[in-house]
Protein backbone atom coordinates (compact mmCIF):
# COMPACT_ATOMS: atom_id res chain seq x y z
CA MET A 1 17.06 168.94 -18.36
CA ASN A 2 17.97 165.45 -19.59
CA ASP A 3 16.11 164.72 -22.83
CA ALA A 4 16.84 160.98 -22.86
CA ASN A 5 13.84 158.67 -23.13
CA GLY A 6 13.35 155.96 -20.52
CA ALA A 7 12.00 152.44 -20.65
CA PRO A 8 8.25 151.96 -21.17
CA GLY A 9 6.40 152.79 -17.97
CA GLN A 10 9.38 154.53 -16.43
CA GLN A 11 8.35 157.86 -14.93
CA ASP A 12 10.06 160.94 -13.57
CA PRO A 13 9.67 160.56 -9.77
CA THR A 14 9.46 164.31 -9.28
CA THR A 15 6.28 164.62 -11.35
CA ARG A 16 4.52 161.26 -11.17
CA HIS A 17 2.22 162.31 -8.30
CA PRO A 18 0.33 165.51 -7.43
CA GLN A 19 2.43 168.58 -6.80
CA PRO A 20 1.88 171.35 -4.25
CA ASP A 21 0.24 173.82 -3.95
CA PHE A 22 -2.59 171.72 -2.52
CA ALA A 23 -5.87 173.27 -1.49
CA GLN A 24 -5.69 174.46 2.12
CA GLN A 25 -7.57 171.98 4.27
CA ASN A 26 -7.94 171.15 7.92
CA GLN A 27 -9.79 168.36 9.66
CA GLU A 28 -10.49 167.33 13.20
CA THR A 29 -8.08 164.70 14.46
CA PRO A 30 -7.67 161.83 13.59
CA GLY A 31 -8.55 162.94 10.07
CA TRP A 32 -10.28 161.14 7.23
CA THR A 33 -9.17 160.01 3.80
CA GLY A 34 -12.35 160.95 1.95
CA PRO A 35 -12.17 164.77 2.11
CA MET A 36 -8.48 164.96 1.16
CA ASP A 37 -7.68 166.89 -2.03
CA PRO A 38 -5.86 165.40 -3.86
CA PRO A 39 -6.90 161.94 -2.64
CA PRO A 40 -3.99 159.87 -1.34
CA ASP A 41 -2.81 156.89 -3.37
CA HIS A 42 -2.46 153.70 -1.32
CA GLY A 43 -1.64 151.51 -4.30
CA GLU A 44 -5.24 150.44 -4.84
CA GLU A 45 -4.78 150.46 -8.61
CA SER A 46 -1.02 150.16 -8.94
CA TYR A 47 0.46 147.64 -6.50
CA ARG A 48 1.12 144.21 -8.03
CA GLY A 49 2.20 141.37 -5.77
CA SER A 50 4.56 138.53 -6.60
CA GLY A 51 4.21 136.14 -3.65
CA LEU A 52 7.02 137.61 -1.56
CA LEU A 53 5.11 137.19 1.71
CA LYS A 54 3.06 134.08 1.07
CA GLU A 55 1.20 132.86 4.18
CA ARG A 56 2.88 135.41 6.46
CA LYS A 57 0.84 136.49 9.47
CA VAL A 58 1.08 140.21 10.14
CA LEU A 59 0.19 142.45 13.07
CA LEU A 60 0.07 146.08 11.91
CA THR A 61 -0.79 149.15 13.97
CA GLY A 62 -2.49 152.13 12.38
CA GLY A 63 -3.71 150.21 9.36
CA ASP A 64 -6.92 152.13 8.72
CA SER A 65 -5.41 154.84 6.49
CA GLY A 66 -2.23 156.43 5.19
CA ILE A 67 0.97 154.40 5.21
CA GLY A 68 -0.75 151.67 7.21
CA ARG A 69 -3.44 151.13 4.59
CA ALA A 70 -0.84 151.07 1.81
CA VAL A 71 1.21 148.50 3.74
CA ALA A 72 -1.88 146.35 4.38
CA ILE A 73 -2.74 146.35 0.67
CA ALA A 74 0.81 145.52 -0.40
CA PHE A 75 1.25 142.75 2.17
CA ALA A 76 -2.08 141.17 1.23
CA ARG A 77 -1.20 141.23 -2.47
CA GLU A 78 2.11 139.59 -1.57
CA GLY A 79 0.19 136.76 0.13
CA ALA A 80 -0.02 137.79 3.80
CA ASP A 81 -2.94 137.80 6.22
CA VAL A 82 -3.22 141.09 8.12
CA LEU A 83 -4.59 141.95 11.54
CA PHE A 84 -4.50 145.72 11.97
CA THR A 85 -5.50 148.29 14.54
CA HIS A 86 -7.58 151.43 14.32
CA LEU A 87 -9.10 153.82 16.82
CA PRO A 88 -12.83 153.28 17.49
CA GLU A 89 -13.72 156.49 15.65
CA GLU A 90 -11.86 155.24 12.57
CA ALA A 91 -14.09 152.19 12.01
CA GLY A 92 -15.26 153.42 8.60
CA GLU A 93 -11.70 153.84 7.37
CA ALA A 94 -10.84 150.41 8.78
CA ARG A 95 -13.65 148.73 6.86
CA GLU A 96 -12.21 150.05 3.60
CA THR A 97 -8.75 148.68 4.43
CA ALA A 98 -10.28 145.32 5.36
CA ARG A 99 -12.22 145.25 2.08
CA LEU A 100 -9.04 145.83 0.08
CA VAL A 101 -7.16 143.09 1.95
CA GLU A 102 -10.00 140.62 1.43
CA GLU A 103 -10.26 141.63 -2.22
CA ALA A 104 -6.70 140.33 -2.53
CA GLY A 105 -7.87 136.96 -1.25
CA ARG A 106 -6.34 137.27 2.22
CA LYS A 107 -7.74 137.37 5.75
CA ALA A 108 -8.29 140.82 7.27
CA VAL A 109 -8.95 141.40 10.97
CA ALA A 110 -9.67 144.99 12.01
CA VAL A 111 -9.28 145.56 15.76
CA PRO A 112 -10.24 148.79 17.54
CA CYS A 113 -7.33 149.41 19.90
CA ASP A 114 -5.73 152.35 21.68
CA ILE A 115 -2.09 151.30 21.95
CA ARG A 116 -1.54 153.94 24.65
CA GLU A 117 -2.99 151.37 27.07
CA GLU A 118 -0.80 148.43 28.09
CA GLU A 119 -3.72 146.08 28.65
CA GLN A 120 -5.13 146.84 25.20
CA CYS A 121 -1.74 145.98 23.70
CA ARG A 122 -1.75 142.69 25.61
CA ARG A 123 -5.21 141.84 24.32
CA LEU A 124 -4.17 142.81 20.80
CA VAL A 125 -1.25 140.39 20.73
CA ALA A 126 -3.45 137.66 22.21
CA ARG A 127 -6.03 138.30 19.47
CA ALA A 128 -3.38 138.03 16.76
CA VAL A 129 -2.15 134.72 18.16
CA GLU A 130 -5.74 133.49 18.44
CA GLU A 131 -6.46 134.41 14.82
CA PHE A 132 -3.17 133.30 13.27
CA GLY A 133 -1.33 131.02 15.71
CA ARG A 134 1.82 133.15 15.39
CA ILE A 135 3.06 136.58 14.37
CA ASP A 136 5.54 136.55 11.49
CA VAL A 137 5.77 140.32 11.12
CA LEU A 138 5.03 143.04 13.66
CA ILE A 139 4.75 146.51 12.12
CA ASN A 140 4.73 149.36 14.65
CA ASN A 141 3.29 152.11 12.47
CA ALA A 142 0.65 153.97 14.50
CA ALA A 143 1.71 157.48 15.50
CA TYR A 144 0.39 160.82 16.67
CA GLN A 145 1.60 164.37 16.11
CA MET A 146 0.25 167.85 16.65
CA SER A 147 1.95 170.95 15.34
CA GLN A 148 2.67 173.73 17.82
CA PRO A 149 4.11 176.69 15.89
CA GLY A 150 4.20 178.68 19.14
CA GLY A 151 7.00 176.54 20.49
CA ILE A 152 7.64 174.38 23.54
CA GLY A 153 5.48 176.61 25.72
CA ASP A 154 2.41 175.52 23.77
CA ILE A 155 3.04 171.78 24.15
CA SER A 156 0.75 170.72 26.97
CA THR A 157 1.47 167.81 29.25
CA GLU A 158 -1.65 166.15 27.82
CA GLN A 159 -0.30 166.41 24.27
CA PHE A 160 3.18 165.30 25.34
CA ASP A 161 1.76 162.23 27.08
CA ARG A 162 -0.35 161.33 24.05
CA VAL A 163 2.62 161.58 21.70
CA MET A 164 4.90 159.56 24.00
CA HIS A 165 2.39 156.84 24.75
CA THR A 166 1.25 156.42 21.15
CA ASN A 167 4.66 156.56 19.49
CA LEU A 168 6.87 154.92 22.12
CA TYR A 169 4.97 153.07 24.84
CA GLY A 170 2.77 151.22 22.37
CA MET A 171 5.75 150.18 20.27
CA PHE A 172 7.63 149.01 23.37
CA TRP A 173 4.72 147.02 24.81
CA LEU A 174 3.77 145.38 21.53
CA SER A 175 7.35 144.41 20.72
CA LYS A 176 7.86 142.95 24.18
CA MET A 177 4.59 141.01 24.06
CA ALA A 178 4.90 139.84 20.46
CA VAL A 179 8.48 138.54 20.54
CA PRO A 180 7.57 135.20 22.19
CA HIS A 181 5.19 134.56 19.28
CA ILE A 182 7.57 135.54 16.45
CA PRO A 183 9.39 132.52 14.98
CA ALA A 184 12.93 132.57 13.65
CA GLY A 185 12.81 134.25 10.26
CA GLY A 186 10.22 136.73 11.44
CA SER A 187 10.74 140.44 11.79
CA ILE A 188 9.73 143.68 13.45
CA ILE A 189 9.45 146.82 11.34
CA ASN A 190 9.07 150.24 12.97
CA THR A 191 8.09 153.54 11.40
CA THR A 192 10.43 156.38 12.27
CA SER A 193 10.75 159.61 10.24
CA VAL A 194 13.01 162.18 8.63
CA GLN A 195 12.08 164.13 11.79
CA ALA A 196 14.41 161.85 13.77
CA TYR A 197 17.37 163.46 12.03
CA LYS A 198 16.08 166.86 10.90
CA PRO A 199 13.50 167.89 13.51
CA SER A 200 11.02 170.63 12.71
CA PRO A 201 10.68 172.95 15.73
CA HIS A 202 6.88 172.92 15.56
CA LEU A 203 6.93 169.09 15.88
CA LEU A 204 9.40 168.93 18.75
CA ASP A 205 7.72 166.20 20.81
CA TYR A 206 6.91 164.08 17.74
CA ALA A 207 10.46 164.41 16.41
CA MET A 208 12.02 163.29 19.69
CA THR A 209 9.92 160.11 19.65
CA LYS A 210 11.04 159.36 16.11
CA GLY A 211 14.68 159.69 17.22
CA ALA A 212 13.97 157.27 20.05
CA ILE A 213 12.48 154.79 17.57
CA VAL A 214 15.76 154.74 15.65
CA THR A 215 17.68 153.90 18.84
CA PHE A 216 15.09 151.32 19.90
CA THR A 217 15.24 149.65 16.49
CA GLN A 218 19.02 149.38 16.48
CA GLY A 219 19.21 148.15 20.07
CA LEU A 220 16.40 145.60 19.80
CA ALA A 221 17.89 144.27 16.56
CA GLN A 222 21.10 143.39 18.37
CA MET A 223 19.13 141.82 21.20
CA LEU A 224 17.07 139.55 18.94
CA VAL A 225 19.55 138.63 16.22
CA GLU A 226 20.49 135.36 17.94
CA ASP A 227 16.81 134.38 17.89
CA GLY A 228 16.68 134.83 14.12
CA ILE A 229 14.37 137.85 14.36
CA ARG A 230 15.30 140.90 12.32
CA VAL A 231 14.38 144.44 13.45
CA ASN A 232 14.44 147.36 11.02
CA ALA A 233 12.68 150.66 10.43
CA VAL A 234 11.49 152.89 7.61
CA ALA A 235 12.09 156.65 7.83
CA PRO A 236 9.57 158.42 5.59
CA GLY A 237 9.86 162.03 4.58
CA PRO A 238 6.66 164.04 4.06
CA VAL A 239 3.79 161.71 3.15
CA TRP A 240 0.27 162.80 2.17
CA THR A 241 -1.89 161.06 4.79
CA PRO A 242 -4.94 162.10 6.88
CA LEU A 243 -2.58 162.94 9.75
CA ILE A 244 -1.42 165.99 7.78
CA PRO A 245 -4.68 167.98 7.38
CA ALA A 246 -5.65 166.87 10.89
CA THR A 247 -2.52 168.14 12.64
CA LEU A 248 -0.81 170.82 10.56
CA PRO A 249 -2.12 174.40 10.22
CA ASP A 250 -0.76 174.86 6.68
CA THR A 251 -1.22 172.05 4.15
CA ALA A 252 -1.09 174.03 0.92
CA GLU A 253 2.68 173.73 0.49
CA PHE A 254 3.14 170.44 2.33
CA GLY A 255 6.05 168.43 0.95
CA LYS A 256 7.73 171.27 -0.94
CA GLN A 257 10.68 171.04 1.46
CA ALA A 258 11.69 167.65 0.03
CA PRO A 259 14.26 167.86 -2.78
CA MET A 260 11.72 166.20 -5.07
CA GLY A 261 9.44 169.14 -4.41
CA ARG A 262 6.40 167.12 -3.41
CA PRO A 263 5.16 164.81 -0.66
CA ALA A 264 5.22 161.06 -1.11
CA GLN A 265 2.04 159.10 -1.56
CA PRO A 266 1.48 156.23 0.91
CA ALA A 267 1.87 153.75 -1.96
CA GLU A 268 5.47 154.88 -2.36
CA MET A 269 6.29 153.79 1.22
CA ALA A 270 4.77 150.30 1.16
CA PRO A 271 7.48 148.58 -0.96
CA ALA A 272 10.11 149.39 1.69
CA TYR A 273 8.10 147.47 4.30
CA VAL A 274 7.56 144.57 1.91
CA PHE A 275 11.29 144.39 1.22
CA LEU A 276 12.23 144.42 4.92
CA ALA A 277 9.71 141.67 5.71
CA SER A 278 10.77 139.48 2.79
CA GLU A 279 13.57 136.97 2.37
CA HIS A 280 15.29 139.49 0.10
CA ALA A 281 16.28 141.30 3.32
CA SER A 282 17.49 138.19 5.16
CA PHE A 283 20.90 139.75 5.96
CA ILE A 284 19.48 143.14 6.92
CA THR A 285 18.80 144.03 10.56
CA ALA A 286 19.32 147.16 12.68
CA GLU A 287 18.84 149.17 9.47
CA ILE A 288 16.88 152.36 8.80
CA VAL A 289 15.55 152.58 5.25
CA ASN A 290 15.31 156.25 4.35
CA ALA A 291 12.43 157.19 2.02
CA THR A 292 12.70 160.96 2.18
CA GLY A 293 12.42 162.20 -1.39
CA GLY A 294 16.07 163.14 -1.50
CA THR A 295 16.78 164.58 1.96
CA PRO A 296 20.13 163.05 3.00
CA LEU A 297 20.10 161.39 6.42
CA PRO A 298 23.05 160.09 8.48
């Protein structure tokens, strides 16, 4: 163990957040933030903005909880207005995200939307343009997974369709529809996963969509670079969000597989999205930012 002392406020990343074993817990999908133990940290108390995204207009999917809520908080504190989606049954979670955005002095628009439906995606983009006049940043973050420890034979066509339509169709439709409203200097940021590179067998269908998101990101980036629009993605490792107790049968040791020995908190993901949306990343496109807690990715 290194006994050297760090700068004031500098913390060991392996111990700065709660460590497994967590209490075993399961919820009905889509899952709720309130019952989670330990409660996830979205940066409510810790994130400090510095004007990196002043007056940006953001369309964010899956902003009611988890990584999406953390991103909404961070973007608002950096000066952005945020329109975000949630499922109708997640209205309570969405109100809390909206409150936190407005507390930062920015406009929050919570829109119930099922991005599995093309027409709902079309209406969503139209609503964002109506509210903001343009879309500076599109963040395709909403996703669905369901663990099937029994293998491919237990993945129903209904589940497969839900995973594909949520994770891929929605991203494709929203990107296609939003591009005409994204000015030069704007960007698209997608959420992929460590699962794209190191798939867990019990998340086979989810993992394959995350691999497709990597390819989509890199291809679309090359397509849009001449328009001055950057396209990148963030690849999180295990993150403690409501999706976990809602979709995994064993949460007690969640995150132990990461070299840091713990799952990330949503607040630890948000700065990567801020960076990719900001002018600090002006020469970065077709890139995947890996935030895996030490798991090496290609």
